[in-house]
């Protein structure tokens, strides 16, 4: 942005505060809110969604209790905040819970896939997230329009229902320069 007599100013991107575990609380998705609403509030956001079925690779199949190569439903998303691509995320779900449901629509409805799982009696009750920082793969650099040298944070989340069944494996790739990861929990 330029201003006469004052020069050129770079627009600063305000980091996204990703607060856990509150963002995954049943109250959030149970009242029809998107999980990203907890992170970005009123900031303009968009999402590109692709859904379908694929064969489960080992890191997906194992937690879901399936054999590698078994069919799973996937939801692949690219999230943009303030016009900037900030996250890639792909969820993998067992076909017996997701095939033929609104989970396979680009708009899964109020509360997203967790609300749809709850409607079928398999709403998430607990989550485990595994985080690691790394340099992006070439495709991730392109899809997130990352500057050279920008790391990503890879988060793999397992969602479990009340019976301890893993109902979702989600792999997220976050632009490391766009997020502040905030973990608050009781002692």
Protein backbone atom coordinates (compact mmCIF):
# COMPACT_ATOMS: atom_id res chain seq x y z
CA UNK A 1 0.00 0.00 0.00
CA UNK A 2 1.40 3.44 -0.90
CA UNK A 3 0.69 6.84 0.59
CA UNK A 4 1.71 10.08 -1.18
CA UNK A 5 4.67 11.62 0.58
CA UNK A 6 4.97 8.77 3.10
CA UNK A 7 6.27 5.86 0.98
CA UNK A 8 5.21 2.24 0.68
CA UNK A 9 4.01 0.18 3.62
CA UNK A 10 3.73 -3.60 3.79
CA UNK A 11 0.42 -4.89 5.14
CA UNK A 12 1.05 -6.95 8.26
CA UNK A 13 -0.72 -10.28 8.61
CA UNK A 14 -2.07 -10.68 12.13
CA UNK A 15 -1.13 -14.20 13.35
CA UNK A 16 -3.95 -16.68 13.85
CA UNK A 17 -4.22 -17.76 17.48
CA UNK A 18 -5.05 -21.49 17.42
CA UNK A 19 -6.18 -22.14 20.99
CA UNK A 20 -6.47 -25.73 22.14
CA UNK A 21 -8.16 -27.67 23.50
CA UNK A 22 -11.07 -25.16 23.52
CA UNK A 23 -11.33 -24.96 19.72
CA UNK A 24 -12.30 -28.64 19.64
CA UNK A 25 -14.85 -28.41 22.46
CA UNK A 26 -18.21 -30.08 21.85
CA UNK A 27 -19.84 -26.72 22.71
CA UNK A 28 -18.10 -25.18 19.67
CA UNK A 29 -19.17 -27.60 16.94
CA UNK A 30 -22.26 -28.73 18.88
CA UNK A 31 -23.83 -25.29 18.48
CA UNK A 32 -23.09 -25.32 14.76
CA UNK A 33 -19.88 -23.27 14.73
CA UNK A 34 -16.95 -24.14 12.50
CA UNK A 35 -13.76 -24.99 14.38
CA UNK A 36 -12.01 -22.23 12.40
CA UNK A 37 -14.48 -19.74 13.90
CA UNK A 38 -12.72 -20.24 17.24
CA UNK A 39 -9.39 -19.35 15.60
CA UNK A 40 -10.32 -16.49 13.29
CA UNK A 41 -13.58 -15.02 14.68
CA UNK A 42 -14.77 -12.31 12.28
CA UNK A 43 -11.75 -12.29 9.95
CA UNK A 44 -12.64 -12.97 6.31
CA UNK A 45 -11.99 -16.62 5.49
CA UNK A 46 -12.62 -19.04 2.68
CA UNK A 47 -12.11 -22.74 2.17
CA UNK A 48 -11.61 -24.88 -0.91
CA UNK A 49 -13.04 -28.39 -0.30
CA UNK A 50 -12.63 -31.64 -2.23
CA UNK A 51 -14.26 -34.87 -1.01
CA UNK A 52 -14.24 -38.46 -2.14
CA UNK A 53 -12.96 -41.92 -1.35
CA UNK A 54 -9.41 -43.22 -1.44
CA UNK A 55 -7.33 -46.13 -0.17
CA UNK A 56 -5.98 -45.72 3.36
CA UNK A 57 -2.21 -45.50 3.68
CA UNK A 58 -0.62 -47.08 6.75
CA UNK A 59 -0.57 -43.95 8.98
CA UNK A 60 -4.32 -43.51 8.32
CA UNK A 61 -5.35 -47.17 8.37
CA UNK A 62 -3.67 -48.06 11.68
CA UNK A 63 -5.47 -45.57 13.94
CA UNK A 64 -8.80 -46.22 12.19
CA UNK A 65 -8.42 -49.97 12.81
CA UNK A 66 -8.28 -50.78 9.09
CA UNK A 67 -5.88 -52.60 6.82
CA UNK A 68 -3.74 -50.47 4.49
CA UNK A 69 -5.55 -50.15 1.18
CA UNK A 70 -9.01 -50.22 2.77
CA UNK A 71 -11.41 -47.58 1.44
CA UNK A 72 -11.83 -44.38 3.49
CA UNK A 73 -13.71 -41.15 2.93
CA UNK A 74 -11.52 -38.03 2.69
CA UNK A 75 -12.18 -34.30 2.98
CA UNK A 76 -9.31 -32.19 1.67
CA UNK A 77 -9.39 -28.48 2.51
CA UNK A 78 -7.28 -25.39 1.84
CA UNK A 79 -8.08 -22.57 4.25
CA UNK A 80 -7.57 -18.88 3.45
CA UNK A 81 -7.72 -16.10 6.03
CA UNK A 82 -7.67 -12.44 4.99
CA UNK A 83 -7.07 -13.69 1.42
CA UNK A 84 -3.93 -15.63 2.39
CA UNK A 85 -3.63 -19.44 2.17
CA UNK A 86 -2.68 -20.53 5.71
CA UNK A 87 -3.56 -24.21 6.10
CA UNK A 88 -4.00 -27.47 4.22
CA UNK A 89 -6.02 -30.18 5.97
CA UNK A 90 -7.20 -33.63 4.97
CA UNK A 91 -9.54 -35.69 7.14
CA UNK A 92 -9.88 -39.44 6.68
CA UNK A 93 -12.96 -41.24 8.05
CA UNK A 94 -14.21 -44.83 8.01
CA UNK A 95 -16.63 -45.44 5.12
CA UNK A 96 -19.23 -47.00 7.45
CA UNK A 97 -19.56 -43.62 9.21
CA UNK A 98 -19.18 -41.21 6.30
CA UNK A 99 -20.10 -42.74 2.94
CA UNK A 100 -23.35 -41.26 1.62
CA UNK A 101 -23.64 -38.66 4.40
CA UNK A 102 -23.30 -34.87 4.42
CA UNK A 103 -19.65 -35.46 5.41
CA UNK A 104 -19.05 -36.10 1.71
CA UNK A 105 -20.63 -32.77 0.67
CA UNK A 106 -18.36 -29.75 0.26
CA UNK A 107 -20.51 -28.08 2.92
CA UNK A 108 -21.02 -30.64 5.70
CA UNK A 109 -23.55 -28.35 7.42
CA UNK A 110 -23.58 -26.52 10.76
CA UNK A 111 -20.88 -27.78 13.11
CA UNK A 112 -19.08 -29.59 10.28
CA UNK A 113 -18.13 -33.25 10.29
CA UNK A 114 -18.01 -33.52 14.09
CA UNK A 115 -21.68 -32.55 14.33
CA UNK A 116 -22.51 -35.08 11.58
CA UNK A 117 -20.60 -37.81 13.46
CA UNK A 118 -22.47 -36.88 16.66
CA UNK A 119 -25.80 -37.27 14.86
CA UNK A 120 -24.84 -40.88 14.09
CA UNK A 121 -23.76 -41.56 17.68
CA UNK A 122 -20.02 -41.23 16.99
CA UNK A 123 -19.29 -37.63 18.01
CA UNK A 124 -15.71 -37.01 19.09
CA UNK A 125 -15.18 -37.33 22.84
CA UNK A 126 -11.36 -37.11 22.96
CA UNK A 127 -8.60 -35.96 20.65
CA UNK A 128 -4.89 -36.58 20.38
CA UNK A 129 -2.72 -34.24 18.32
CA UNK A 130 0.86 -34.85 17.24
CA UNK A 131 2.81 -31.74 16.18
CA UNK A 132 6.11 -31.36 14.39
CA UNK A 133 7.83 -28.47 12.67
CA UNK A 134 9.49 -29.17 9.33
CA UNK A 135 10.30 -27.62 6.01
CA UNK A 136 7.46 -27.84 3.46
CA UNK A 137 7.26 -30.21 0.54
CA UNK A 138 7.25 -28.50 -2.90
CA UNK A 139 3.47 -28.99 -3.32
CA UNK A 140 2.84 -27.45 0.13
CA UNK A 141 5.07 -24.48 -0.74
CA UNK A 142 3.02 -23.91 -3.90
CA UNK A 143 -0.45 -24.41 -2.39
CA UNK A 144 0.32 -22.16 0.61
CA UNK A 145 2.37 -19.64 -1.45
CA UNK A 146 5.16 -19.84 1.14
CA UNK A 147 8.21 -17.61 1.01
CA UNK A 148 11.54 -19.40 0.77
CA UNK A 149 12.70 -20.67 4.15
CA UNK A 150 9.23 -20.63 5.77
CA UNK A 151 8.64 -23.76 7.87
CA UNK A 152 5.33 -25.51 8.33
CA UNK A 153 3.77 -27.11 11.38
CA UNK A 154 2.38 -30.56 10.66
CA UNK A 155 -0.42 -31.62 13.01
CA UNK A 156 -1.91 -35.09 12.90
CA UNK A 157 -5.09 -35.40 14.93
CA UNK A 158 -6.93 -38.56 15.95
CA UNK A 159 -10.56 -38.09 17.05
CA UNK A 160 -12.11 -40.80 19.24
CA UNK A 161 -15.77 -41.38 20.08
CA UNK A 162 -17.09 -42.41 23.53
CA UNK A 163 -16.24 -46.06 22.85
CA UNK A 164 -12.58 -45.10 22.09
CA UNK A 165 -13.06 -45.80 18.38
CA UNK A 166 -10.93 -43.57 16.17
CA UNK A 167 -13.46 -41.87 13.89
CA UNK A 168 -11.13 -39.42 12.11
CA UNK A 169 -7.48 -39.02 11.24
CA UNK A 170 -6.73 -35.44 10.17
CA UNK A 171 -3.39 -34.24 8.81
CA UNK A 172 -3.00 -30.44 8.83
CA UNK A 173 -0.15 -28.42 7.35
CA UNK A 174 0.01 -24.90 8.81
CA UNK A 175 2.05 -21.99 7.45
CA UNK A 176 4.48 -21.63 10.36
CA UNK A 177 4.58 -17.84 9.98
CA UNK A 178 0.77 -17.47 10.16
CA UNK A 179 -0.03 -19.18 13.47
CA UNK A 180 0.45 -18.83 17.21
CA UNK A 181 -0.28 -22.22 18.81
CA UNK A 182 -1.84 -21.68 22.25
CA UNK A 183 -2.35 -24.71 24.54
CA UNK A 184 -4.16 -24.00 27.80
CA UNK A 185 -5.25 -26.79 30.15
CA UNK A 186 -5.71 -27.41 33.85
CA UNK A 187 -2.98 -28.81 36.05
